[in-house]
C-alpha cells in the first residue's frame, strides 16, 4: 500500500507544481487543488494503516486499529481547500466578467518610468485593462 501512496503523492505534487507555474489562472487554481490533494495523502499516511476502523471492540488490540486523528485533520483540510478553490474560481470568473485577462502578468521592474498619476490610478483600480 505504501508504494502506491508514494507514487500518488509524487504525481499529484509534481503535476500541481507544474500547473501552479503556468500563466493561466485556471491552471494555477487546478494546480493548487492537486497540491492540496497530495498533502492530504501525506497527512493520511502519517497515521497507522490498520486493518479495522477506530472502534473500541472487545478482542481488538490498538495495533490493529487505524489512527482517527489524521483522518479528522484531512477531513478538515478537504473542506478548507474546497473553499479556497471556490474562492479562487469566483475571483477568476469576476475578472473574466469585467473583461480582464485570465493570465498572470509579471510585475513591472520599477515604477520609475511612470508618472505618479498613472501609479495612483492603477492602485485605485482606474488603470488600463489589457
N, C-alpha and C. Protein backbone atom coordinates (compact mmCIF):
# COMPACT_ATOMS: atom_id res chain seq x y z
N UNK A 1 0.82 -1.20 0.00
CA UNK A 1 0.00 0.00 0.00
C UNK A 1 0.86 1.26 0.00
N UNK A 2 1.98 1.24 0.71
CA UNK A 2 2.82 2.42 0.80
C UNK A 2 3.43 2.84 -0.53
N UNK A 3 3.90 1.93 -1.40
CA UNK A 3 4.43 2.38 -2.69
C UNK A 3 3.36 3.09 -3.55
N UNK A 4 2.12 2.66 -3.46
CA UNK A 4 1.04 3.32 -4.21
C UNK A 4 0.85 4.74 -3.70
N UNK A 5 0.90 4.93 -2.39
CA UNK A 5 0.74 6.26 -1.81
C UNK A 5 1.91 7.16 -2.19
N UNK A 6 3.12 6.62 -2.16
CA UNK A 6 4.30 7.41 -2.51
C UNK A 6 4.24 7.87 -3.97
N UNK A 7 3.89 6.97 -4.87
CA UNK A 7 3.79 7.32 -6.28
C UNK A 7 2.66 8.33 -6.50
N UNK A 8 1.54 8.15 -5.81
CA UNK A 8 0.41 9.07 -5.94
C UNK A 8 0.78 10.46 -5.44
N UNK A 9 1.44 10.53 -4.29
CA UNK A 9 1.85 11.83 -3.75
C UNK A 9 2.84 12.50 -4.70
N UNK A 10 3.79 11.75 -5.21
CA UNK A 10 4.76 12.32 -6.15
C UNK A 10 4.07 12.85 -7.39
N UNK A 11 3.14 12.08 -7.95
CA UNK A 11 2.45 12.52 -9.17
C UNK A 11 1.60 13.76 -8.90
N UNK A 12 0.84 13.76 -7.81
CA UNK A 12 -0.03 14.90 -7.51
C UNK A 12 0.78 16.17 -7.26
N UNK A 13 1.85 16.06 -6.49
CA UNK A 13 2.65 17.24 -6.16
C UNK A 13 3.41 17.74 -7.39
N UNK A 14 3.97 16.85 -8.18
CA UNK A 14 4.73 17.30 -9.34
C UNK A 14 3.82 17.94 -10.39
N UNK A 15 2.67 17.35 -10.67
CA UNK A 15 1.75 17.97 -11.62
C UNK A 15 1.19 19.27 -11.05
N UNK A 16 0.92 19.30 -9.74
CA UNK A 16 0.43 20.51 -9.10
C UNK A 16 1.43 21.66 -9.19
N UNK A 17 2.70 21.37 -8.93
CA UNK A 17 3.73 22.42 -9.04
C UNK A 17 3.86 22.88 -10.49
N UNK A 18 3.80 21.96 -11.44
CA UNK A 18 3.87 22.34 -12.86
C UNK A 18 2.72 23.28 -13.22
N UNK A 19 1.50 22.97 -12.76
CA UNK A 19 0.35 23.80 -13.10
C UNK A 19 0.40 25.15 -12.39
N UNK A 20 0.91 25.20 -11.18
CA UNK A 20 0.99 26.47 -10.45
C UNK A 20 1.96 27.42 -11.16
N UNK A 21 2.96 26.89 -11.83
CA UNK A 21 3.94 27.73 -12.51
C UNK A 21 3.49 28.21 -13.89
N UNK A 22 2.27 27.87 -14.31
CA UNK A 22 1.75 28.31 -15.59
C UNK A 22 1.21 29.73 -15.49
N UNK A 23 0.93 30.35 -16.64
CA UNK A 23 0.43 31.73 -16.65
C UNK A 23 -1.08 31.81 -16.52
N UNK A 24 -1.82 30.79 -16.87
CA UNK A 24 -3.27 30.82 -16.82
C UNK A 24 -3.76 30.65 -15.38
N UNK A 25 -4.69 31.52 -14.98
CA UNK A 25 -5.21 31.45 -13.62
C UNK A 25 -6.00 30.18 -13.36
N UNK A 26 -6.67 29.66 -14.39
CA UNK A 26 -7.40 28.40 -14.23
C UNK A 26 -6.43 27.27 -13.91
N UNK A 27 -5.32 27.23 -14.61
CA UNK A 27 -4.32 26.19 -14.34
C UNK A 27 -3.70 26.35 -12.96
N UNK A 28 -3.52 27.58 -12.53
CA UNK A 28 -2.99 27.82 -11.18
C UNK A 28 -3.96 27.29 -10.14
N UNK A 29 -5.26 27.54 -10.32
CA UNK A 29 -6.26 27.03 -9.38
C UNK A 29 -6.29 25.50 -9.37
N UNK A 30 -6.20 24.89 -10.56
CA UNK A 30 -6.16 23.43 -10.62
C UNK A 30 -4.90 22.88 -9.96
N UNK A 31 -3.78 23.55 -10.16
CA UNK A 31 -2.53 23.12 -9.55
C UNK A 31 -2.58 23.19 -8.03
N UNK A 32 -3.19 24.25 -7.49
CA UNK A 32 -3.33 24.34 -6.04
C UNK A 32 -4.23 23.22 -5.49
N UNK A 33 -5.26 22.87 -6.27
CA UNK A 33 -6.11 21.75 -5.86
C UNK A 33 -5.34 20.44 -5.83
N UNK A 34 -4.54 20.20 -6.84
CA UNK A 34 -3.74 18.96 -6.88
C UNK A 34 -2.70 18.94 -5.77
N UNK A 35 -2.08 20.09 -5.50
CA UNK A 35 -1.13 20.15 -4.39
C UNK A 35 -1.80 19.83 -3.06
N UNK A 36 -3.00 20.36 -2.87
CA UNK A 36 -3.70 20.08 -1.61
C UNK A 36 -4.07 18.60 -1.49
N UNK A 37 -4.43 17.97 -2.60
CA UNK A 37 -4.73 16.53 -2.55
C UNK A 37 -3.48 15.71 -2.20
N UNK A 38 -2.34 16.12 -2.75
CA UNK A 38 -1.09 15.44 -2.39
C UNK A 38 -0.77 15.59 -0.91
N UNK A 39 -1.00 16.77 -0.37
CA UNK A 39 -0.76 17.00 1.06
C UNK A 39 -1.74 16.19 1.90
N UNK A 40 -2.97 16.05 1.42
CA UNK A 40 -3.94 15.22 2.15
C UNK A 40 -3.46 13.77 2.24
N UNK A 41 -2.92 13.26 1.15
CA UNK A 41 -2.40 11.89 1.19
C UNK A 41 -1.20 11.77 2.13
N UNK A 42 -0.37 12.81 2.19
CA UNK A 42 0.76 12.78 3.12
C UNK A 42 0.25 12.74 4.56
N UNK A 43 -0.76 13.55 4.86
CA UNK A 43 -1.33 13.55 6.21
C UNK A 43 -1.97 12.21 6.55
N UNK A 44 -2.67 11.63 5.59
CA UNK A 44 -3.28 10.31 5.85
C UNK A 44 -2.24 9.24 6.08
N UNK A 45 -1.13 9.32 5.35
CA UNK A 45 -0.10 8.30 5.52
C UNK A 45 0.64 8.47 6.84
N UNK A 46 0.47 9.62 7.51
CA UNK A 46 1.11 9.81 8.82
C UNK A 46 0.45 8.94 9.87
N UNK A 47 -0.80 8.56 9.66
CA UNK A 47 -1.48 7.67 10.60
C UNK A 47 -1.17 6.22 10.32
N UNK A 48 -1.55 5.39 11.23
CA UNK A 48 -1.34 3.95 11.03
C UNK A 48 -2.35 3.43 10.02
N UNK A 49 -1.88 2.51 9.17
CA UNK A 49 -2.76 1.85 8.23
C UNK A 49 -3.21 0.55 8.87
N UNK A 50 -4.19 0.63 9.73
CA UNK A 50 -4.67 -0.56 10.42
C UNK A 50 -5.67 -1.35 9.59
N UNK A 51 -6.04 -2.49 10.13
CA UNK A 51 -6.98 -3.36 9.43
C UNK A 51 -8.42 -3.00 9.75
N UNK A 52 -8.65 -2.32 10.87
CA UNK A 52 -10.02 -2.06 11.31
C UNK A 52 -10.25 -0.58 11.55
N UNK A 53 -11.53 -0.24 11.58
CA UNK A 53 -11.92 1.14 11.89
C UNK A 53 -11.59 1.43 13.35
N UNK A 54 -11.43 2.69 13.71
CA UNK A 54 -11.05 3.03 15.09
C UNK A 54 -12.23 2.91 16.06
N UNK A 55 -12.73 1.70 16.24
CA UNK A 55 -13.81 1.44 17.19
C UNK A 55 -13.29 0.54 18.30
N UNK A 56 -13.70 0.82 19.51
CA UNK A 56 -13.27 0.01 20.64
C UNK A 56 -14.17 -1.22 20.75
N UNK A 57 -13.67 -2.34 20.29
CA UNK A 57 -14.41 -3.60 20.32
C UNK A 57 -13.58 -4.60 21.11
N UNK A 58 -14.25 -5.44 21.85
CA UNK A 58 -13.52 -6.46 22.62
C UNK A 58 -12.75 -7.38 21.67
N UNK A 59 -11.52 -7.66 22.04
CA UNK A 59 -10.70 -8.57 21.27
C UNK A 59 -9.87 -7.90 20.18
N UNK A 60 -9.99 -6.60 20.03
CA UNK A 60 -9.21 -5.88 19.01
C UNK A 60 -8.16 -5.05 19.72
N UNK A 61 -6.90 -5.30 19.39
CA UNK A 61 -5.83 -4.53 20.02
C UNK A 61 -5.65 -3.19 19.30
N UNK A 62 -5.09 -2.19 19.99
CA UNK A 62 -4.88 -0.88 19.35
C UNK A 62 -3.96 -0.92 18.14
N UNK A 63 -3.08 -1.91 18.05
CA UNK A 63 -2.19 -2.01 16.90
C UNK A 63 -2.93 -2.36 15.62
N UNK A 64 -4.12 -2.96 15.73
CA UNK A 64 -4.90 -3.35 14.57
C UNK A 64 -5.82 -2.23 14.08
N UNK A 65 -5.94 -1.16 14.86
CA UNK A 65 -6.87 -0.09 14.51
C UNK A 65 -6.16 1.04 13.77
N UNK A 66 -6.92 1.73 12.96
CA UNK A 66 -6.42 2.90 12.24
C UNK A 66 -6.48 4.11 13.16
N UNK A 67 -5.49 4.99 13.05
CA UNK A 67 -5.46 6.19 13.87
C UNK A 67 -6.48 7.20 13.32
N UNK A 68 -7.46 7.64 14.13
CA UNK A 68 -8.51 8.53 13.61
C UNK A 68 -8.10 10.00 13.52
N UNK A 69 -7.05 10.44 14.20
CA UNK A 69 -6.68 11.85 14.20
C UNK A 69 -6.25 12.38 12.83
N UNK A 70 -5.38 11.69 12.09
CA UNK A 70 -5.06 12.18 10.74
C UNK A 70 -6.28 12.22 9.82
N UNK A 71 -7.20 11.30 10.01
CA UNK A 71 -8.42 11.32 9.20
C UNK A 71 -9.25 12.57 9.49
N UNK A 72 -9.32 12.96 10.73
CA UNK A 72 -10.05 14.18 11.10
C UNK A 72 -9.35 15.41 10.53
N UNK A 73 -8.02 15.44 10.60
CA UNK A 73 -7.28 16.57 10.04
C UNK A 73 -7.51 16.67 8.53
N UNK A 74 -7.48 15.55 7.84
CA UNK A 74 -7.65 15.56 6.39
C UNK A 74 -9.07 15.97 6.02
N UNK A 75 -10.05 15.54 6.78
CA UNK A 75 -11.42 15.95 6.51
C UNK A 75 -11.56 17.46 6.63
N UNK A 76 -10.96 18.05 7.64
CA UNK A 76 -10.97 19.50 7.80
C UNK A 76 -10.21 20.17 6.67
N UNK A 77 -9.07 19.62 6.29
CA UNK A 77 -8.27 20.21 5.21
C UNK A 77 -8.98 20.14 3.87
N UNK A 78 -9.76 19.10 3.64
CA UNK A 78 -10.52 18.98 2.39
C UNK A 78 -11.55 20.11 2.30
N UNK A 79 -12.23 20.38 3.39
CA UNK A 79 -13.23 21.46 3.40
C UNK A 79 -12.56 22.81 3.16
N UNK A 80 -11.41 23.04 3.80
CA UNK A 80 -10.71 24.31 3.62
C UNK A 80 -10.20 24.46 2.19
N UNK A 81 -9.64 23.41 1.61
CA UNK A 81 -9.13 23.50 0.25
C UNK A 81 -10.26 23.67 -0.76
N UNK A 82 -11.42 23.05 -0.50
CA UNK A 82 -12.56 23.24 -1.38
C UNK A 82 -13.02 24.70 -1.34
N UNK A 83 -13.09 25.29 -0.15
CA UNK A 83 -13.50 26.69 -0.03
C UNK A 83 -12.49 27.62 -0.70
N UNK A 84 -11.21 27.33 -0.56
CA UNK A 84 -10.18 28.15 -1.19
C UNK A 84 -10.26 28.04 -2.71
N UNK A 85 -10.48 26.85 -3.22
CA UNK A 85 -10.60 26.67 -4.67
C UNK A 85 -11.82 27.40 -5.21
N UNK A 86 -12.94 27.32 -4.51
CA UNK A 86 -14.14 28.04 -4.95
C UNK A 86 -13.92 29.55 -4.92
N UNK A 87 -13.20 30.03 -3.92
CA UNK A 87 -12.90 31.46 -3.84
C UNK A 87 -12.02 31.89 -5.02
N UNK A 88 -11.02 31.09 -5.35
CA UNK A 88 -10.16 31.39 -6.50
C UNK A 88 -10.95 31.39 -7.80
N UNK A 89 -11.82 30.39 -7.98
CA UNK A 89 -12.61 30.31 -9.21
C UNK A 89 -13.60 31.46 -9.31
N UNK A 90 -14.17 31.90 -8.18
CA UNK A 90 -15.07 33.06 -8.20
C UNK A 90 -14.31 34.32 -8.57
N UNK A 91 -13.08 34.46 -8.08
CA UNK A 91 -12.27 35.61 -8.46
C UNK A 91 -11.92 35.60 -9.93
N UNK A 92 -11.63 34.43 -10.47
CA UNK A 92 -11.32 34.30 -11.89
C UNK A 92 -12.55 34.64 -12.73
N UNK A 93 -13.74 34.16 -12.30
CA UNK A 93 -14.97 34.46 -13.02
C UNK A 93 -15.29 35.95 -12.98
N UNK A 94 -15.05 36.60 -11.84
CA UNK A 94 -15.29 38.04 -11.75
C UNK A 94 -14.33 38.81 -12.65
N UNK A 95 -13.10 38.37 -12.73
CA UNK A 95 -12.14 39.01 -13.63
C UNK A 95 -12.56 38.83 -15.09
N UNK A 96 -13.06 37.66 -15.42
CA UNK A 96 -13.49 37.41 -16.80
C UNK A 96 -14.72 38.25 -17.15
N UNK A 97 -15.63 38.44 -16.21
CA UNK A 97 -16.81 39.26 -16.47
C UNK A 97 -16.46 40.72 -16.72
N UNK A 98 -15.44 41.20 -16.07
CA UNK A 98 -15.01 42.59 -16.26
C UNK A 98 -14.14 42.75 -17.51
N UNK A 99 -13.92 41.68 -18.21
CA UNK A 99 -13.14 41.75 -19.44
C UNK A 99 -11.65 41.64 -19.22
N UNK A 100 -11.26 41.16 -18.07
CA UNK A 100 -9.84 41.03 -17.77
C UNK A 100 -9.25 39.78 -18.37
N UNK A 101 -7.95 39.67 -18.26
CA UNK A 101 -7.22 38.54 -18.81
C UNK A 101 -7.18 37.40 -17.79
N UNK A 102 -7.13 36.18 -18.30
CA UNK A 102 -7.00 35.01 -17.44
C UNK A 102 -5.55 34.65 -17.18
N UNK A 103 -4.64 35.49 -17.62
CA UNK A 103 -3.22 35.20 -17.47
C UNK A 103 -2.62 35.99 -16.32
N UNK A 104 -1.63 35.39 -15.70
CA UNK A 104 -0.87 36.08 -14.67
C UNK A 104 0.16 36.95 -15.39
N UNK A 105 0.16 38.24 -15.06
CA UNK A 105 1.09 39.14 -15.72
C UNK A 105 2.24 39.46 -14.79
N UNK A 106 3.45 39.55 -15.34
CA UNK A 106 4.58 39.85 -14.46
C UNK A 106 4.51 41.28 -13.93
N UNK A 107 5.02 41.47 -12.75
CA UNK A 107 5.05 42.81 -12.16
C UNK A 107 6.15 43.62 -12.83
N UNK A 108 5.94 44.93 -12.97
CA UNK A 108 7.00 45.75 -13.58
C UNK A 108 8.23 45.79 -12.68
N UNK A 109 9.38 45.95 -13.30
CA UNK A 109 10.62 46.01 -12.53
C UNK A 109 10.64 47.23 -11.62
N UNK A 110 10.13 48.37 -12.11
CA UNK A 110 10.06 49.56 -11.27
C UNK A 110 8.99 50.49 -11.83
N UNK A 111 8.57 51.42 -11.04
CA UNK A 111 7.61 52.43 -11.47
C UNK A 111 8.31 53.73 -11.82
N UNK A 112 9.61 53.68 -12.02
CA UNK A 112 10.40 54.88 -12.27
C UNK A 112 10.02 55.60 -13.55
N UNK A 113 9.57 54.86 -14.57
CA UNK A 113 9.25 55.48 -15.85
C UNK A 113 7.81 55.95 -15.93
N UNK A 114 7.02 55.68 -14.90
CA UNK A 114 5.61 56.05 -14.90
C UNK A 114 5.39 57.30 -14.05
N UNK A 115 4.36 58.04 -14.40
CA UNK A 115 4.05 59.24 -13.62
C UNK A 115 3.31 58.83 -12.35
N UNK A 116 3.30 59.73 -11.39
CA UNK A 116 2.62 59.45 -10.12
C UNK A 116 1.12 59.27 -10.34
N UNK A 117 0.55 59.97 -11.31
CA UNK A 117 -0.89 59.83 -11.61
C UNK A 117 -1.23 58.46 -12.14
N UNK A 118 -0.36 57.89 -12.99
CA UNK A 118 -0.61 56.55 -13.52
C UNK A 118 -0.55 55.49 -12.42
N UNK A 119 0.42 55.62 -11.53
CA UNK A 119 0.54 54.66 -10.43
C UNK A 119 -0.66 54.77 -9.50
N UNK A 120 -1.09 55.99 -9.17
CA UNK A 120 -2.25 56.20 -8.30
C UNK A 120 -3.52 55.67 -8.95
N UNK A 121 -3.68 55.87 -10.27
CA UNK A 121 -4.86 55.36 -10.98
C UNK A 121 -4.89 53.84 -10.95
N UNK A 122 -3.72 53.22 -11.09
CA UNK A 122 -3.68 51.75 -11.04
C UNK A 122 -4.03 51.24 -9.65
N UNK A 123 -3.52 51.90 -8.63
CA UNK A 123 -3.81 51.47 -7.26
C UNK A 123 -5.28 51.64 -6.91
N UNK A 124 -5.94 52.62 -7.50
CA UNK A 124 -7.37 52.85 -7.24
C UNK A 124 -8.25 52.01 -8.15
N UNK A 125 -7.68 51.29 -9.10
CA UNK A 125 -8.46 50.44 -9.97
C UNK A 125 -8.94 51.13 -11.22
N UNK A 126 -8.41 52.32 -11.52
CA UNK A 126 -8.84 53.06 -12.71
C UNK A 126 -7.86 52.90 -13.85
N UNK A 127 -6.88 52.02 -13.69
CA UNK A 127 -5.85 51.85 -14.71
C UNK A 127 -6.36 51.16 -15.94
N UNK A 128 -5.51 51.08 -16.96
CA UNK A 128 -5.88 50.41 -18.21
C UNK A 128 -6.07 48.92 -17.97
N UNK A 129 -7.05 48.37 -18.69
CA UNK A 129 -7.24 46.92 -18.67
C UNK A 129 -6.71 46.36 -19.96
N UNK A 130 -6.01 45.26 -19.84
CA UNK A 130 -5.44 44.65 -21.04
C UNK A 130 -6.34 43.59 -21.56
